[in-house]
Amino acid sequence: MGKQMTEMLKGTLEGIVLATLAVQPAYGYEITARLREEQGFSDIVEGTVYALLIRIEQRGLVDVEKVPSEKGPPRKVYSLNALGSEYLDEFWKSWGFLAERIEHLHGQVQTRQSDTTVEHATTEHPQHEGE
């Protein structure tokens, strides 16, 4: 994952994890696996997800239930609660605004680059009358 992608992900991973939990409650490893296999975040580090889960638990955005595990200590299963749902709604509104503004800006840049290419081609190869 490139440095730019890593930086962009820092600001959105919380919303992405909450959205994952909105689909279905899960424990830490499951969340990481879903992000990697279902959402395409193949380079996501498990430790990053666990640190984030601690933060969103401390902020009261998720409920946690300890469920017995066949392979060791009980697992902490995270589920989205009402406060987390409100936070996720706000995340989607913010994301929608940003995505719309970035797409608008991207369109302006593409139009400007296209205009510049045409101007450049016209300057290099001016058409003369009678051609």
Foldseek 3Di string as FASTA:
>chain_A
DDPVVVVVCVVCVLLVLLVVQAVPWAFLVVSVCCCVPVVPPVPDDSVVSVVSVVVCVVVVQWDWDFDCDPPDGTTTITHGDPNVVVVSVVSVVVVVVVVVVVVVVVVVVVVVVVVVVVVVVCVVPPDDPPD
